[in-house]
Amino acid sequence: MQALVKSASSHPISKSMRQEYGKEIDHTRVSDIQEISEKGIQASVDGISVAIENDKLMNSFGIIPGECQQLGTILHIALDGDYADHIVISDVLKPNAEAAVKALKSVGIGKMVMLTGDAKAVGSQTASNLGIDEVHSELLPDHKVSKVEELLQEKKGHGKLVFVGDGINDAPVLSRADIGIAMGSMDSDAAIEAADVGFMVLAVLNAIRALFVKRL
């Protein structure tokens, strides 16, 4: 049912759900799909109203989400207005992620900040594991813009603020940073247009290093 509800979403988590489902999506079973930015998605599946996503979406429907003690991104599920269950999705760090952060710092990047919509515990753990200097979690797209504005004021004209985004809701921040880099599968035309540079994931590290080596 989760894969059916998320059949029209371009979010990476939705794509993973469809892959795990392993079958062709029968779109005739799904109707009234409504995606709510940074909150979740709702739809009708076989005549049943289904809502999937975070506690903000559940609260907006007056539904009290169940508690989960596991660390990760929690996707709550409600059927016909009643809480049903939840799914825990945990990020897996790429083997070379920590080395990539160290390499970026070695070429002159003075401070690395992570802006994420993930839960605070998830963001803090990821930042700690990678050696990222500062993390701000549970951010909506407009909150990310506000944080970038604060960081721009903080640097007070010294150096450049580079923002790397995956194209999901990152277009406003990409356009506000001194240098915006869109990475990943490039699904978002808005992000590509807002960014100064666009790269596939494997090219991002070398691209940022090149920018700073040239500056030095």
N, C-alpha and C. Protein backbone atom coordinates (compact mmCIF):
# COMPACT_ATOMS: atom_id res chain seq x y z
N MET A 1 0.83 -1.21 0.00
CA MET A 1 0.00 0.00 0.00
C MET A 1 0.87 1.27 0.00
N GLN A 2 2.00 1.23 0.76
CA GLN A 2 2.88 2.38 0.81
C GLN A 2 3.43 2.73 -0.57
N ALA A 3 3.82 1.69 -1.32
CA ALA A 3 4.35 1.91 -2.66
C ALA A 3 3.31 2.51 -3.59
N LEU A 4 2.05 2.10 -3.43
CA LEU A 4 0.97 2.62 -4.26
C LEU A 4 0.73 4.10 -3.96
N VAL A 5 0.71 4.46 -2.67
CA VAL A 5 0.49 5.85 -2.29
C VAL A 5 1.59 6.74 -2.83
N LYS A 6 2.83 6.26 -2.80
CA LYS A 6 3.97 7.06 -3.21
C LYS A 6 4.33 6.86 -4.67
N SER A 7 3.41 6.32 -5.45
CA SER A 7 3.69 6.01 -6.85
C SER A 7 3.95 7.24 -7.71
N ALA A 8 3.44 8.42 -7.30
CA ALA A 8 3.61 9.63 -8.10
C ALA A 8 4.69 10.55 -7.57
N SER A 9 5.34 10.17 -6.47
CA SER A 9 6.33 11.04 -5.85
C SER A 9 7.71 10.79 -6.44
N SER A 10 8.51 11.88 -6.58
CA SER A 10 9.87 11.77 -7.10
C SER A 10 10.91 11.72 -5.99
N HIS A 11 10.46 11.74 -4.72
CA HIS A 11 11.39 11.74 -3.59
C HIS A 11 12.15 10.41 -3.56
N PRO A 12 13.46 10.45 -3.22
CA PRO A 12 14.27 9.22 -3.18
C PRO A 12 13.68 8.12 -2.31
N ILE A 13 13.07 8.47 -1.17
CA ILE A 13 12.46 7.46 -0.31
C ILE A 13 11.31 6.77 -1.03
N SER A 14 10.52 7.55 -1.77
CA SER A 14 9.41 6.98 -2.51
C SER A 14 9.90 6.02 -3.59
N LYS A 15 10.99 6.40 -4.25
CA LYS A 15 11.57 5.52 -5.28
C LYS A 15 12.03 4.21 -4.67
N SER A 16 12.64 4.29 -3.47
CA SER A 16 13.11 3.08 -2.79
C SER A 16 11.95 2.16 -2.43
N MET A 17 10.83 2.76 -1.99
CA MET A 17 9.65 1.97 -1.65
C MET A 17 9.12 1.22 -2.87
N ARG A 18 9.10 1.91 -4.00
CA ARG A 18 8.59 1.27 -5.22
C ARG A 18 9.52 0.13 -5.66
N GLN A 19 10.82 0.32 -5.50
CA GLN A 19 11.78 -0.73 -5.84
C GLN A 19 11.61 -1.93 -4.93
N GLU A 20 11.41 -1.67 -3.63
CA GLU A 20 11.23 -2.75 -2.66
C GLU A 20 9.93 -3.51 -2.93
N TYR A 21 8.91 -2.80 -3.41
CA TYR A 21 7.62 -3.42 -3.73
C TYR A 21 7.81 -4.51 -4.79
N GLY A 22 8.69 -4.25 -5.75
CA GLY A 22 9.09 -5.26 -6.72
C GLY A 22 8.07 -5.64 -7.76
N LYS A 23 6.95 -4.92 -7.83
CA LYS A 23 5.92 -5.22 -8.82
C LYS A 23 5.57 -3.95 -9.58
N GLU A 24 4.92 -4.13 -10.68
CA GLU A 24 4.46 -2.98 -11.43
C GLU A 24 3.30 -2.33 -10.68
N ILE A 25 3.34 -0.98 -10.61
CA ILE A 25 2.29 -0.25 -9.90
C ILE A 25 0.99 -0.26 -10.70
N ASP A 26 -0.08 -0.68 -10.05
CA ASP A 26 -1.41 -0.65 -10.68
C ASP A 26 -2.05 0.70 -10.35
N HIS A 27 -1.88 1.66 -11.25
CA HIS A 27 -2.34 3.03 -10.99
C HIS A 27 -3.86 3.14 -10.91
N THR A 28 -4.57 2.12 -11.39
CA THR A 28 -6.04 2.17 -11.32
C THR A 28 -6.52 2.04 -9.88
N ARG A 29 -5.67 1.55 -8.99
CA ARG A 29 -6.06 1.37 -7.58
C ARG A 29 -5.87 2.65 -6.77
N VAL A 30 -5.17 3.64 -7.35
CA VAL A 30 -4.80 4.85 -6.60
C VAL A 30 -5.46 6.08 -7.20
N SER A 31 -5.97 6.95 -6.34
CA SER A 31 -6.57 8.20 -6.81
C SER A 31 -6.39 9.29 -5.75
N ASP A 32 -6.67 10.51 -6.14
CA ASP A 32 -6.65 11.66 -5.22
C ASP A 32 -5.31 11.80 -4.48
N ILE A 33 -4.20 11.63 -5.21
CA ILE A 33 -2.88 11.76 -4.60
C ILE A 33 -2.57 13.22 -4.33
N GLN A 34 -2.18 13.53 -3.11
CA GLN A 34 -1.82 14.89 -2.73
C GLN A 34 -0.52 14.85 -1.94
N GLU A 35 0.53 15.45 -2.51
CA GLU A 35 1.83 15.50 -1.83
C GLU A 35 1.96 16.83 -1.11
N ILE A 36 2.29 16.78 0.18
CA ILE A 36 2.42 17.97 1.01
C ILE A 36 3.88 18.16 1.35
N SER A 37 4.48 19.24 0.85
CA SER A 37 5.91 19.47 0.99
C SER A 37 6.38 19.35 2.42
N GLU A 38 7.45 18.57 2.62
CA GLU A 38 8.12 18.38 3.91
C GLU A 38 7.22 17.77 4.99
N LYS A 39 6.05 17.29 4.60
CA LYS A 39 5.17 16.65 5.59
C LYS A 39 4.82 15.24 5.18
N GLY A 40 4.37 15.04 3.95
CA GLY A 40 4.02 13.69 3.55
C GLY A 40 3.11 13.64 2.35
N ILE A 41 2.37 12.57 2.25
CA ILE A 41 1.53 12.35 1.08
C ILE A 41 0.27 11.60 1.52
N GLN A 42 -0.83 11.92 0.87
CA GLN A 42 -2.09 11.21 1.14
C GLN A 42 -2.73 10.83 -0.18
N ALA A 43 -3.50 9.75 -0.15
CA ALA A 43 -4.14 9.27 -1.37
C ALA A 43 -5.25 8.30 -0.99
N SER A 44 -6.00 7.89 -1.99
CA SER A 44 -7.02 6.88 -1.80
C SER A 44 -6.57 5.61 -2.52
N VAL A 45 -6.48 4.49 -1.78
CA VAL A 45 -6.07 3.22 -2.36
C VAL A 45 -7.19 2.21 -2.14
N ASP A 46 -7.74 1.71 -3.23
CA ASP A 46 -8.87 0.77 -3.14
C ASP A 46 -10.00 1.34 -2.30
N GLY A 47 -10.19 2.66 -2.39
CA GLY A 47 -11.26 3.32 -1.66
C GLY A 47 -10.94 3.65 -0.21
N ILE A 48 -9.73 3.32 0.25
CA ILE A 48 -9.30 3.61 1.62
C ILE A 48 -8.42 4.84 1.63
N SER A 49 -8.72 5.79 2.51
CA SER A 49 -7.90 7.00 2.64
C SER A 49 -6.62 6.66 3.38
N VAL A 50 -5.47 6.93 2.75
CA VAL A 50 -4.18 6.59 3.33
C VAL A 50 -3.32 7.85 3.44
N ALA A 51 -2.72 8.05 4.60
CA ALA A 51 -1.78 9.16 4.81
C ALA A 51 -0.47 8.56 5.30
N ILE A 52 0.63 8.94 4.67
CA ILE A 52 1.95 8.44 5.05
C ILE A 52 2.92 9.61 5.17
N GLU A 53 3.62 9.68 6.28
CA GLU A 53 4.77 10.58 6.42
C GLU A 53 5.02 10.94 7.87
N ASN A 54 5.50 12.17 8.13
CA ASN A 54 5.99 12.48 9.48
C ASN A 54 4.87 12.90 10.44
N ASP A 55 5.29 13.16 11.70
CA ASP A 55 4.29 13.47 12.72
C ASP A 55 3.58 14.79 12.46
N LYS A 56 4.22 15.70 11.67
CA LYS A 56 3.57 16.97 11.35
C LYS A 56 2.31 16.73 10.52
N LEU A 57 2.40 15.80 9.58
CA LEU A 57 1.22 15.47 8.76
C LEU A 57 0.16 14.79 9.62
N MET A 58 0.59 13.87 10.48
CA MET A 58 -0.36 13.19 11.35
C MET A 58 -1.10 14.20 12.25
N ASN A 59 -0.33 15.13 12.83
CA ASN A 59 -0.93 16.14 13.72
C ASN A 59 -1.91 17.04 12.97
N SER A 60 -1.60 17.33 11.70
CA SER A 60 -2.50 18.19 10.92
C SER A 60 -3.85 17.53 10.68
N PHE A 61 -3.87 16.19 10.77
CA PHE A 61 -5.12 15.44 10.61
C PHE A 61 -5.74 15.11 11.96
N GLY A 62 -5.13 15.60 13.06
CA GLY A 62 -5.64 15.30 14.38
C GLY A 62 -5.36 13.87 14.82
N ILE A 63 -4.34 13.25 14.23
CA ILE A 63 -3.99 11.87 14.55
C ILE A 63 -2.73 11.87 15.41
N ILE A 64 -2.78 11.15 16.52
CA ILE A 64 -1.61 11.05 17.41
C ILE A 64 -0.73 9.90 16.94
N PRO A 65 0.49 10.20 16.46
CA PRO A 65 1.36 9.13 15.96
C PRO A 65 1.91 8.27 17.10
N GLY A 66 2.17 7.00 16.79
CA GLY A 66 2.76 6.10 17.78
C GLY A 66 4.22 6.43 18.03
N GLU A 67 4.70 6.04 19.19
CA GLU A 67 6.10 6.30 19.53
C GLU A 67 7.00 5.23 18.93
N CYS A 68 8.22 5.66 18.58
CA CYS A 68 9.21 4.73 18.04
C CYS A 68 10.55 5.04 18.69
N GLN A 69 11.20 4.03 19.22
CA GLN A 69 12.47 4.21 19.92
C GLN A 69 13.68 4.04 19.01
N GLN A 70 13.46 3.60 17.79
CA GLN A 70 14.57 3.39 16.86
C GLN A 70 14.98 4.72 16.23
N LEU A 71 16.29 4.81 15.93
CA LEU A 71 16.82 6.02 15.31
C LEU A 71 16.68 5.93 13.80
N GLY A 72 16.10 6.95 13.20
CA GLY A 72 15.94 6.98 11.75
C GLY A 72 14.81 7.89 11.36
N THR A 73 14.49 7.91 10.07
CA THR A 73 13.36 8.69 9.58
C THR A 73 12.09 7.86 9.77
N ILE A 74 11.14 8.42 10.51
CA ILE A 74 9.91 7.69 10.84
C ILE A 74 8.79 8.09 9.89
N LEU A 75 8.23 7.12 9.21
CA LEU A 75 7.09 7.34 8.34
C LEU A 75 5.86 6.73 9.01
N HIS A 76 4.94 7.56 9.44
CA HIS A 76 3.72 7.09 10.09
C HIS A 76 2.64 6.81 9.04
N ILE A 77 1.78 5.86 9.33
CA ILE A 77 0.73 5.46 8.39
C ILE A 77 -0.63 5.53 9.08
N ALA A 78 -1.58 6.22 8.44
CA ALA A 78 -2.95 6.29 8.95
C ALA A 78 -3.90 5.80 7.87
N LEU A 79 -4.90 5.00 8.27
CA LEU A 79 -5.89 4.47 7.34
C LEU A 79 -7.27 4.96 7.75
N ASP A 80 -7.93 5.67 6.84
CA ASP A 80 -9.26 6.22 7.11
C ASP A 80 -9.29 7.01 8.41
N GLY A 81 -8.23 7.76 8.66
CA GLY A 81 -8.18 8.65 9.83
C GLY A 81 -7.73 8.00 11.12
N ASP A 82 -7.43 6.71 11.09
CA ASP A 82 -6.96 6.01 12.30
C ASP A 82 -5.50 5.61 12.15
N TYR A 83 -4.73 5.79 13.23
CA TYR A 83 -3.31 5.44 13.17
C TYR A 83 -3.15 3.93 12.99
N ALA A 84 -2.25 3.53 12.06
CA ALA A 84 -2.08 2.11 11.77
C ALA A 84 -0.71 1.57 12.18
N ASP A 85 0.34 2.23 11.75
CA ASP A 85 1.67 1.70 12.03
C ASP A 85 2.72 2.72 11.57
N HIS A 86 3.99 2.34 11.61
CA HIS A 86 5.04 3.22 11.12
C HIS A 86 6.16 2.39 10.49
N ILE A 87 6.96 3.08 9.68
CA ILE A 87 8.13 2.48 9.04
C ILE A 87 9.35 3.28 9.48
N VAL A 88 10.45 2.60 9.76
CA VAL A 88 11.69 3.28 10.13
C VAL A 88 12.67 3.15 8.97
N ILE A 89 13.15 4.28 8.48
CA ILE A 89 14.15 4.30 7.40
C ILE A 89 15.43 4.89 7.95
N SER A 90 16.51 4.12 7.92
CA SER A 90 17.79 4.58 8.45
C SER A 90 18.76 4.84 7.31
N ASP A 91 19.43 5.98 7.37
CA ASP A 91 20.44 6.31 6.37
C ASP A 91 21.68 5.45 6.57
N VAL A 92 22.32 5.10 5.48
CA VAL A 92 23.59 4.38 5.53
C VAL A 92 24.66 5.28 4.92
N LEU A 93 25.67 5.61 5.70
CA LEU A 93 26.73 6.47 5.20
C LEU A 93 27.58 5.73 4.18
N LYS A 94 27.91 6.42 3.11
CA LYS A 94 28.78 5.81 2.10
C LYS A 94 30.17 5.60 2.70
N PRO A 95 30.87 4.54 2.29
CA PRO A 95 32.17 4.21 2.89
C PRO A 95 33.20 5.34 2.82
N ASN A 96 33.10 6.17 1.78
CA ASN A 96 34.10 7.24 1.62
C ASN A 96 33.61 8.60 2.09
N ALA A 97 32.46 8.64 2.79
CA ALA A 97 31.88 9.94 3.18
C ALA A 97 32.78 10.69 4.15
N GLU A 98 33.27 10.01 5.19
CA GLU A 98 34.12 10.67 6.19
C GLU A 98 35.41 11.19 5.55
N ALA A 99 35.99 10.38 4.67
CA ALA A 99 37.22 10.79 3.99
C ALA A 99 36.97 11.99 3.09
N ALA A 100 35.77 12.04 2.48
CA ALA A 100 35.43 13.17 1.61
C ALA A 100 35.35 14.47 2.40
N VAL A 101 34.75 14.41 3.60
CA VAL A 101 34.66 15.60 4.45
C VAL A 101 36.06 16.07 4.85
N LYS A 102 36.92 15.14 5.22
CA LYS A 102 38.29 15.49 5.60
C LYS A 102 39.04 16.11 4.42
N ALA A 103 38.81 15.57 3.22
CA ALA A 103 39.49 16.10 2.02
C ALA A 103 39.05 17.53 1.73
N LEU A 104 37.77 17.80 1.91
CA LEU A 104 37.26 19.15 1.67
C LEU A 104 37.86 20.14 2.66
N LYS A 105 37.98 19.71 3.92
CA LYS A 105 38.57 20.60 4.93
C LYS A 105 40.05 20.84 4.64
N SER A 106 40.71 19.84 4.06
CA SER A 106 42.14 19.95 3.80
C SER A 106 42.48 20.98 2.73
N VAL A 107 41.50 21.33 1.91
CA VAL A 107 41.77 22.31 0.84
C VAL A 107 41.30 23.71 1.21
N GLY A 108 40.93 23.92 2.47
CA GLY A 108 40.67 25.28 2.92
C GLY A 108 39.26 25.63 3.32
N ILE A 109 38.35 24.66 3.32
CA ILE A 109 36.99 24.96 3.78
C ILE A 109 37.02 25.07 5.30
N GLY A 110 36.72 26.26 5.81
CA GLY A 110 36.86 26.52 7.24
C GLY A 110 35.75 25.95 8.09
N LYS A 111 34.56 25.82 7.56
CA LYS A 111 33.44 25.36 8.37
C LYS A 111 32.45 24.61 7.49
N MET A 112 32.00 23.46 7.98
CA MET A 112 31.03 22.67 7.24
C MET A 112 29.77 22.56 8.08
N VAL A 113 28.63 22.92 7.48
CA VAL A 113 27.34 22.94 8.17
C VAL A 113 26.36 22.06 7.41
N MET A 114 25.60 21.25 8.13
CA MET A 114 24.57 20.41 7.51
C MET A 114 23.20 20.96 7.85
N LEU A 115 22.40 21.21 6.82
CA LEU A 115 21.01 21.63 6.98
C LEU A 115 20.13 20.48 6.50
N THR A 116 19.27 19.98 7.37
CA THR A 116 18.50 18.79 7.00
C THR A 116 17.08 18.85 7.56
N GLY A 117 16.19 18.18 6.89
CA GLY A 117 14.82 18.05 7.37
C GLY A 117 14.65 16.85 8.29
N ASP A 118 15.71 16.05 8.44
CA ASP A 118 15.64 14.87 9.30
C ASP A 118 15.49 15.24 10.77
N ALA A 119 15.09 14.28 11.57
CA ALA A 119 14.95 14.48 13.01
C ALA A 119 16.28 14.87 13.63
N LYS A 120 16.21 15.56 14.77
CA LYS A 120 17.42 16.08 15.41
C LYS A 120 18.41 14.97 15.75
N ALA A 121 17.92 13.86 16.29
CA ALA A 121 18.81 12.76 16.68
C ALA A 121 19.54 12.19 15.47
N VAL A 122 18.85 12.08 14.34
CA VAL A 122 19.45 11.54 13.13
C VAL A 122 20.50 12.50 12.59
N GLY A 123 20.15 13.79 12.52
CA GLY A 123 21.09 14.78 12.01
C GLY A 123 22.34 14.88 12.87
N SER A 124 22.16 14.86 14.18
CA SER A 124 23.30 14.97 15.11
C SER A 124 24.23 13.78 14.99
N GLN A 125 23.67 12.58 14.87
CA GLN A 125 24.49 11.39 14.75
C GLN A 125 25.29 11.40 13.44
N THR A 126 24.63 11.78 12.35
CA THR A 126 25.30 11.82 11.05
C THR A 126 26.43 12.83 11.06
N ALA A 127 26.17 14.03 11.59
CA ALA A 127 27.19 15.07 11.65
C ALA A 127 28.38 14.63 12.50
N SER A 128 28.10 13.96 13.61
CA SER A 128 29.16 13.49 14.50
C SER A 128 30.01 12.43 13.81
N ASN A 129 29.38 11.51 13.11
CA ASN A 129 30.10 10.44 12.43
C ASN A 129 31.00 10.96 11.31
N LEU A 130 30.57 12.04 10.66
CA LEU A 130 31.30 12.56 9.51
C LEU A 130 32.29 13.67 9.87
N GLY A 131 32.19 14.20 11.09
CA GLY A 131 33.07 15.29 11.46
C GLY A 131 32.62 16.63 10.94
N ILE A 132 31.30 16.78 10.75
CA ILE A 132 30.73 18.05 10.30
C ILE A 132 30.64 18.99 11.50
N ASP A 133 31.00 20.25 11.31
CA ASP A 133 31.15 21.19 12.42
C ASP A 133 29.83 21.59 13.08
N GLU A 134 28.77 21.70 12.29
CA GLU A 134 27.51 22.24 12.83
C GLU A 134 26.34 21.62 12.08
N VAL A 135 25.24 21.35 12.78
CA VAL A 135 24.07 20.75 12.13
C VAL A 135 22.80 21.42 12.62
N HIS A 136 21.87 21.65 11.69
CA HIS A 136 20.54 22.19 12.00
C HIS A 136 19.52 21.23 11.40
N SER A 137 18.65 20.66 12.25
CA SER A 137 17.74 19.60 11.82
C SER A 137 16.28 20.05 11.82
N GLU A 138 15.43 19.18 11.27
CA GLU A 138 13.97 19.40 11.22
C GLU A 138 13.62 20.73 10.54
N LEU A 139 14.31 21.02 9.45
CA LEU A 139 14.12 22.29 8.74
C LEU A 139 13.20 22.14 7.54
N LEU A 140 12.25 23.04 7.40
CA LEU A 140 11.46 23.17 6.18
C LEU A 140 12.28 23.99 5.18
N PRO A 141 11.91 23.99 3.89
CA PRO A 141 12.69 24.74 2.90
C PRO A 141 12.91 26.21 3.27
N ASP A 142 11.89 26.91 3.80
CA ASP A 142 12.07 28.31 4.16
C ASP A 142 12.99 28.47 5.37
N HIS A 143 13.01 27.47 6.25
CA HIS A 143 13.93 27.50 7.39
C HIS A 143 15.37 27.38 6.91
N LYS A 144 15.58 26.57 5.87
CA LYS A 144 16.93 26.43 5.32
C LYS A 144 17.42 27.76 4.76
N VAL A 145 16.53 28.48 4.10
CA VAL A 145 16.89 29.80 3.57
C VAL A 145 17.29 30.73 4.71
N SER A 146 16.53 30.71 5.79
CA SER A 146 16.83 31.56 6.95
C SER A 146 18.20 31.23 7.52
N LYS A 147 18.51 29.94 7.62
CA LYS A 147 19.81 29.53 8.15
C LYS A 147 20.95 29.98 7.24
N VAL A 148 20.72 29.89 5.94
CA VAL A 148 21.75 30.36 5.00
C VAL A 148 21.96 31.86 5.13
N GLU A 149 20.87 32.59 5.33
CA GLU A 149 20.98 34.04 5.55
C GLU A 149 21.84 34.32 6.79
N GLU A 150 21.61 33.54 7.86
CA GLU A 150 22.40 33.72 9.08
C GLU A 150 23.87 33.41 8.84
N LEU A 151 24.14 32.37 8.08
CA LEU A 151 25.53 31.99 7.79
C LEU A 151 26.21 33.04 6.91
N LEU A 152 25.46 33.62 6.00
CA LEU A 152 26.02 34.69 5.16
C LEU A 152 26.40 35.90 6.00
N GLN A 153 25.57 36.22 6.98
CA GLN A 153 25.87 37.33 7.88
C GLN A 153 27.07 36.98 8.77
N GLU A 154 27.15 35.74 9.17
CA GLU A 154 28.21 35.29 10.07
C GLU A 154 29.60 35.41 9.43
N LYS A 155 29.69 35.10 8.14
CA LYS A 155 31.01 35.15 7.51
C LYS A 155 31.46 36.57 7.19
N LYS A 156 30.51 37.53 7.19
CA LYS A 156 30.83 38.95 7.07
C LYS A 156 31.78 39.28 5.92
N GLY A 157 31.47 38.73 4.77
CA GLY A 157 32.25 39.07 3.58
C GLY A 157 33.53 38.29 3.41
N HIS A 158 33.86 37.41 4.37
CA HIS A 158 35.10 36.63 4.26
C HIS A 158 34.80 35.28 3.64
N GLY A 159 35.37 35.03 2.48
CA GLY A 159 35.16 33.75 1.81
C GLY A 159 33.81 33.66 1.12
N LYS A 160 33.50 32.47 0.61
CA LYS A 160 32.26 32.22 -0.10
C LYS A 160 31.47 31.12 0.60
N LEU A 161 30.15 31.26 0.59
CA LEU A 161 29.29 30.22 1.14
C LEU A 161 28.81 29.33 -0.01
N VAL A 162 29.19 28.06 0.03
CA VAL A 162 28.81 27.09 -1.00
C VAL A 162 27.74 26.17 -0.42
N PHE A 163 26.63 26.04 -1.12
CA PHE A 163 25.57 25.13 -0.68
C PHE A 163 25.42 24.02 -1.71
N VAL A 164 25.47 22.77 -1.23
CA VAL A 164 25.29 21.60 -2.10
C VAL A 164 23.95 20.96 -1.75
N GLY A 165 23.06 20.86 -2.72
CA GLY A 165 21.73 20.28 -2.48
C GLY A 165 21.42 19.19 -3.48
N ASP A 166 20.48 18.30 -3.10
CA ASP A 166 20.15 17.17 -3.97
C ASP A 166 18.97 17.45 -4.90
N GLY A 167 18.49 18.68 -4.90
CA GLY A 167 17.41 19.01 -5.82
C GLY A 167 16.03 18.85 -5.26
N ILE A 168 15.89 18.25 -4.05
CA ILE A 168 14.57 18.08 -3.44
C ILE A 168 14.33 19.27 -2.51
N ASN A 169 13.50 20.20 -2.94
CA ASN A 169 13.14 21.39 -2.15
C ASN A 169 14.33 22.32 -1.85
N ASP A 170 15.42 22.20 -2.61
CA ASP A 170 16.61 22.99 -2.30
C ASP A 170 16.78 24.21 -3.22
N ALA A 171 15.91 24.40 -4.19
CA ALA A 171 16.07 25.49 -5.14
C ALA A 171 16.20 26.87 -4.49
N PRO A 172 15.36 27.23 -3.48
CA PRO A 172 15.49 28.56 -2.86
C PRO A 172 16.86 28.79 -2.22
N VAL A 173 17.41 27.74 -1.58
CA VAL A 173 18.71 27.88 -0.91
C VAL A 173 19.84 27.93 -1.93
N LEU A 174 19.74 27.13 -2.98
CA LEU A 174 20.76 27.13 -4.02
C LEU A 174 20.93 28.51 -4.65
N SER A 175 19.81 29.20 -4.82
CA SER A 175 19.86 30.52 -5.45
C SER A 175 20.36 31.60 -4.49
N ARG A 176 20.23 31.36 -3.18
CA ARG A 176 20.64 32.38 -2.20
C ARG A 176 22.11 32.28 -1.83
N ALA A 177 22.70 31.11 -1.87
CA ALA A 177 24.11 30.92 -1.51
C ALA A 177 25.01 31.64 -2.51
N ASP A 178 26.25 31.92 -2.10
CA ASP A 178 27.21 32.53 -3.02
C ASP A 178 27.45 31.61 -4.21
N ILE A 179 27.56 30.32 -3.93
CA ILE A 179 27.72 29.30 -4.98
C ILE A 179 26.76 28.16 -4.68
N GLY A 180 25.85 27.87 -5.59
CA GLY A 180 24.92 26.76 -5.40
C GLY A 180 25.27 25.61 -6.31
N ILE A 181 25.36 24.40 -5.74
CA ILE A 181 25.70 23.21 -6.52
C ILE A 181 24.58 22.19 -6.39
N ALA A 182 23.95 21.85 -7.50
CA ALA A 182 22.90 20.82 -7.52
C ALA A 182 23.56 19.49 -7.87
N MET A 183 23.31 18.48 -7.05
CA MET A 183 23.93 17.18 -7.26
C MET A 183 22.90 16.08 -7.31
N GLY A 184 23.35 14.88 -7.67
CA GLY A 184 22.48 13.72 -7.66
C GLY A 184 21.91 13.42 -9.02
N SER A 185 20.64 12.96 -9.03
CA SER A 185 20.01 12.51 -10.27
C SER A 185 19.47 13.65 -11.10
N MET A 186 19.50 14.87 -10.56
CA MET A 186 19.06 16.06 -11.28
C MET A 186 17.59 15.98 -11.69
N ASP A 187 16.76 15.47 -10.78
CA ASP A 187 15.33 15.32 -11.08
C ASP A 187 14.60 16.65 -11.09
N SER A 188 15.12 17.64 -10.36
CA SER A 188 14.38 18.89 -10.19
C SER A 188 14.87 19.97 -11.15
N ASP A 189 14.02 20.35 -12.11
CA ASP A 189 14.38 21.42 -13.03
C ASP A 189 14.57 22.73 -12.30
N ALA A 190 13.78 22.97 -11.24
CA ALA A 190 13.90 24.21 -10.48
C ALA A 190 15.27 24.30 -9.82
N ALA A 191 15.74 23.19 -9.28
CA ALA A 191 17.05 23.18 -8.62
C ALA A 191 18.17 23.41 -9.63
N ILE A 192 18.06 22.79 -10.79
CA ILE A 192 19.08 22.96 -11.82
C ILE A 192 19.16 24.41 -12.26
N GLU A 193 17.98 25.04 -12.44
CA GLU A 193 17.95 26.43 -12.86
C GLU A 193 18.48 27.37 -11.78
N ALA A 194 18.22 27.06 -10.52
CA ALA A 194 18.65 27.93 -9.42
C ALA A 194 20.13 27.80 -9.13
N ALA A 195 20.72 26.64 -9.41
CA ALA A 195 22.12 26.39 -9.07
C ALA A 195 23.06 27.10 -10.03
N ASP A 196 24.27 27.39 -9.52
CA ASP A 196 25.33 27.92 -10.37
C ASP A 196 26.03 26.80 -11.12
N VAL A 197 26.07 25.61 -10.49
CA VAL A 197 26.77 24.47 -11.05
C VAL A 197 25.93 23.23 -10.82
N GLY A 198 25.95 22.29 -11.77
CA GLY A 198 25.24 21.02 -11.59
C GLY A 198 26.18 19.87 -11.85
N PHE A 199 26.22 18.90 -10.93
CA PHE A 199 27.11 17.74 -11.06
C PHE A 199 26.39 16.48 -10.63
N MET A 200 26.84 15.35 -11.17
CA MET A 200 26.44 14.08 -10.63
C MET A 200 27.21 13.86 -9.33
N VAL A 201 26.74 12.96 -8.48
CA VAL A 201 27.30 12.80 -7.13
C VAL A 201 28.80 12.59 -7.14
N LEU A 202 29.33 11.73 -7.99
CA LEU A 202 30.74 11.40 -7.97
C LEU A 202 31.64 12.57 -8.33
N ALA A 203 31.07 13.59 -8.97
CA ALA A 203 31.88 14.73 -9.38
C ALA A 203 31.86 15.87 -8.38
N VAL A 204 30.99 15.80 -7.38
CA VAL A 204 30.82 16.92 -6.46
C VAL A 204 32.09 17.21 -5.67
N LEU A 205 32.71 16.17 -5.09
CA LEU A 205 33.90 16.37 -4.28
C LEU A 205 35.01 17.05 -5.07
N ASN A 206 35.31 16.52 -6.27
CA ASN A 206 36.37 17.10 -7.08
C ASN A 206 36.04 18.53 -7.51
N ALA A 207 34.76 18.79 -7.75
CA ALA A 207 34.36 20.13 -8.18
C ALA A 207 34.59 21.16 -7.07
N ILE A 208 34.17 20.81 -5.83
CA ILE A 208 34.35 21.74 -4.72
C ILE A 208 35.83 21.93 -4.42
N ARG A 209 36.59 20.85 -4.47
CA ARG A 209 38.03 20.96 -4.22
C ARG A 209 38.67 21.87 -5.26
N ALA A 210 38.25 21.74 -6.52
CA ALA A 210 38.81 22.56 -7.57
C ALA A 210 38.52 24.05 -7.34
N LEU A 211 37.32 24.35 -6.87
CA LEU A 211 36.95 25.74 -6.60
C LEU A 211 37.89 26.36 -5.57
N PHE A 212 38.16 25.58 -4.50
CA PHE A 212 38.97 26.14 -3.42
C PHE A 212 40.46 26.13 -3.73
N VAL A 213 40.93 25.13 -4.47
CA VAL A 213 42.33 25.11 -4.88
C VAL A 213 42.63 26.29 -5.79
N LYS A 214 41.70 26.58 -6.69
CA LYS A 214 41.86 27.72 -7.60
C LYS A 214 41.92 29.02 -6.79
N ARG A 215 41.09 29.12 -5.73
CA ARG A 215 41.08 30.32 -4.90
C ARG A 215 42.41 30.49 -4.18
N LEU A 216 42.98 29.34 -3.70
CA LEU A 216 44.24 29.40 -2.96
C LEU A 216 45.41 29.69 -3.91
